[in-house]
C-alpha atoms as a PDB file:
ATOM      1  CA  MET A   1     -11.244  12.492 -25.528  1.00  0.00           C
ATOM      2  CA  GLU A   2     -12.212   9.444 -23.393  1.00  0.00           C
ATOM      3  CA  LEU A   3      -9.212   6.859 -23.323  1.00  0.00           C
ATOM      4  CA  THR A   4     -11.047   3.552 -22.615  1.00  0.00           C
ATOM      5  CA  GLU A   5      -8.526   1.180 -24.385  1.00  0.00           C
ATOM      6  CA  PRO A   6      -5.078   0.272 -23.010  1.00  0.00           C
ATOM      7  CA  VAL A   7      -2.237   2.360 -24.065  1.00  0.00           C
ATOM      8  CA  VAL A   8       1.201   1.473 -24.895  1.00  0.00           C
ATOM      9  CA  VAL A   9       4.164   3.584 -23.396  1.00  0.00           C
ATOM     10  CA  LYS A  10       7.916   3.340 -23.320  1.00  0.00           C
ATOM     11  CA  VAL A  11       9.880   3.380 -20.101  1.00  0.00           C
ATOM     12  CA  ASP A  12      12.786   5.716 -20.088  1.00  0.00           C
ATOM     13  CA  SER A  13      16.184   5.168 -19.222  1.00  0.00           C
ATOM     14  CA  LYS A  14      15.610   6.775 -15.726  1.00  0.00           C
ATOM     15  CA  GLY A  15      12.849   4.332 -15.207  1.00  0.00           C
ATOM     16  CA  ARG A  16      10.112   6.945 -15.832  1.00  0.00           C
ATOM     17  CA  ILE A  17       6.688   6.600 -17.967  1.00  0.00           C
ATOM     18  CA  CYS A  18       5.024   9.339 -19.599  1.00  0.00           C
ATOM     19  CA  ILE A  19       1.567   9.247 -18.886  1.00  0.00           C
ATOM     20  CA  PRO A  20      -0.947  10.792 -21.446  1.00  0.00           C
ATOM     21  CA  ALA A  21      -2.771  13.917 -20.499  1.00  0.00           C
ATOM     22  CA  GLU A  22      -6.518  12.640 -20.506  1.00  0.00           C
ATOM     23  CA  MET A  23      -5.498  10.239 -17.838  1.00  0.00           C
ATOM     24  CA  ARG A  24      -3.105  12.145 -15.855  1.00  0.00           C
ATOM     25  CA  GLU A  25      -6.355  14.487 -15.544  1.00  0.00           C
ATOM     26  CA  LYS A  26      -7.901  12.150 -14.190  1.00  0.00           C
ATOM     27  CA  ILE A  27      -5.496  10.250 -12.151  1.00  0.00           C
ATOM     28  CA  GLY A  28      -4.747  14.051 -10.221  1.00  0.00           C
ATOM     29  CA  GLU A  29      -1.442  14.792  -7.869  1.00  0.00           C
ATOM     30  CA  ILE A  30      -1.329  11.556  -6.424  1.00  0.00           C
ATOM     31  CA  ALA A  31      -1.268   8.249  -7.686  1.00  0.00           C
ATOM     32  CA  VAL A  32      -0.925   4.691  -5.958  1.00  0.00           C
ATOM     33  CA  ILE A  33       0.919   2.309  -7.786  1.00  0.00           C
ATOM     34  CA  LYS A  34      -0.150  -1.186  -6.738  1.00  0.00           C
ATOM     35  CA  ASN A  35       1.405  -4.383  -7.910  1.00  0.00           C
ATOM     36  CA  ILE A  36      -1.679  -7.054  -8.559  1.00  0.00           C
ATOM     37  CA  PRO A  37      -1.592 -10.611 -10.266  1.00  0.00           C
ATOM     38  CA  GLN A  38      -2.901  -9.339 -13.367  1.00  0.00           C
ATOM     39  CA  GLY A  39       0.030  -6.677 -13.372  1.00  0.00           C
ATOM     40  CA  ILE A  40       0.193  -3.300 -12.306  1.00  0.00           C
ATOM     41  CA  LEU A  41      -2.541  -0.859 -11.132  1.00  0.00           C
ATOM     42  CA  ILE A  42      -2.368   3.107 -11.112  1.00  0.00           C
ATOM     43  CA  THR A  43      -5.198   4.839  -9.773  1.00  0.00           C
ATOM     44  CA  SER A  44      -5.691   8.137  -8.133  1.00  0.00           C
ATOM     45  CA  GLY A  45      -5.099   8.723  -4.670  1.00  0.00           C
ATOM     46  CA  LYS A  46      -5.137  11.697  -2.008  1.00  0.00           C
ATOM     47  CA  ARG A  47      -2.554  13.367  -0.259  1.00  0.00           C
ATOM     48  CA  GLU A  48      -2.771  12.862   3.724  1.00  0.00           C
ATOM     49  CA  ASP A  49      -1.711  15.272   6.110  1.00  0.00           C
ATOM     50  CA  PHE A  50       1.289  13.286   8.307  1.00  0.00           C
ATOM     51  CA  ILE A  51      -0.207  14.931  11.922  1.00  0.00           C
ATOM     52  CA  GLU A  52      -3.778  14.126  10.834  1.00  0.00           C
ATOM     53  CA  ALA A  53      -2.834  10.802  10.386  1.00  0.00           C
ATOM     54  CA  PHE A  54      -1.169  10.656  13.199  1.00  0.00           C
ATOM     55  CA  ASN A  55      -3.572  11.866  15.407  1.00  0.00           C
ATOM     56  CA  LYS A  56      -6.164   9.728  13.798  1.00  0.00           C
ATOM     57  CA  LEU A  57      -3.737   6.468  14.845  1.00  0.00           C
ATOM     58  CA  ILE A  58      -3.106   7.470  18.218  1.00  0.00           C
ATOM     59  CA  THR A  59      -6.731   8.803  19.147  1.00  0.00           C
ATOM     60  CA  SER A  60      -8.262   5.319  17.558  1.00  0.00           C
ATOM     61  CA  GLU A  61      -9.043   2.061  19.399  1.00  0.00           C
ATOM     62  CA  PRO A  62      -6.896  -0.817  19.814  1.00  0.00           C
ATOM     63  CA  LYS A  63      -7.497  -3.385  17.437  1.00  0.00           C
ATOM     64  CA  ARG A  64      -6.631  -5.952  20.175  1.00  0.00           C
ATOM     65  CA  LYS A  65      -8.782  -5.967  23.176  1.00  0.00           C
ATOM     66  CA  GLY A  66      -7.801  -7.881  26.310  1.00  0.00           C
ATOM     67  CA  LYS A  67      -4.622  -9.214  27.880  1.00  0.00           C
ATOM     68  CA  PRO A  68      -2.040 -10.996  25.773  1.00  0.00           C
ATOM     69  CA  LYS A  69      -1.532 -14.727  27.028  1.00  0.00           C
ATOM     70  CA  LEU A  70       1.885 -15.478  27.802  1.00  0.00           C
ATOM     71  CA  ALA A  71       3.630 -18.206  26.912  1.00  0.00           C
ATOM     72  CA  THR A  72       4.859 -20.719  29.763  1.00  0.00           C
ATOM     73  CA  PRO A  73       8.513 -21.950  29.132  1.00  0.00           C
ATOM     74  CA  GLU A  74       7.565 -25.144  27.730  1.00  0.00           C
ATOM     75  CA  GLU A  75       5.174 -23.769  24.901  1.00  0.00           C
ATOM     76  CA  MET A  76       8.549 -21.233  24.157  1.00  0.00           C
ATOM     77  CA  LYS A  77      11.213 -24.283  23.681  1.00  0.00           C
ATOM     78  CA  SER A  78       8.721 -26.180  21.281  1.00  0.00           C
ATOM     79  CA  VAL A  79       8.927 -23.146  19.368  1.00  0.00           C
ATOM     80  CA  TRP A  80      12.877 -23.318  19.247  1.00  0.00           C
ATOM     81  CA  ARG A  81      12.364 -26.615  18.573  1.00  0.00           C
ATOM     82  CA  THR A  82      10.488 -26.516  15.481  1.00  0.00           C
ATOM     83  CA  ILE A  83      12.928 -23.780  13.804  1.00  0.00           C
ATOM     84  CA  LYS A  84      16.142 -25.159  11.856  1.00  0.00           C
END
């Protein structure tokens, strides 16, 4: 059975919702819940291995290249004046 129409479900006293079996099968083991302008979106996700994700992060190229520009004392003071 293909569910294409929205399905109304109740939230129980513990804040849980019951997703119909046909939809749960499509979602799989991991669900990603996003807050979007139209409401809440639930999509299927994947389990990411922490060690694998960490290794990928530390071996990737840095997003920023070059040397950061240091602010002068005058520039820092101008920032302080704008904060009230």
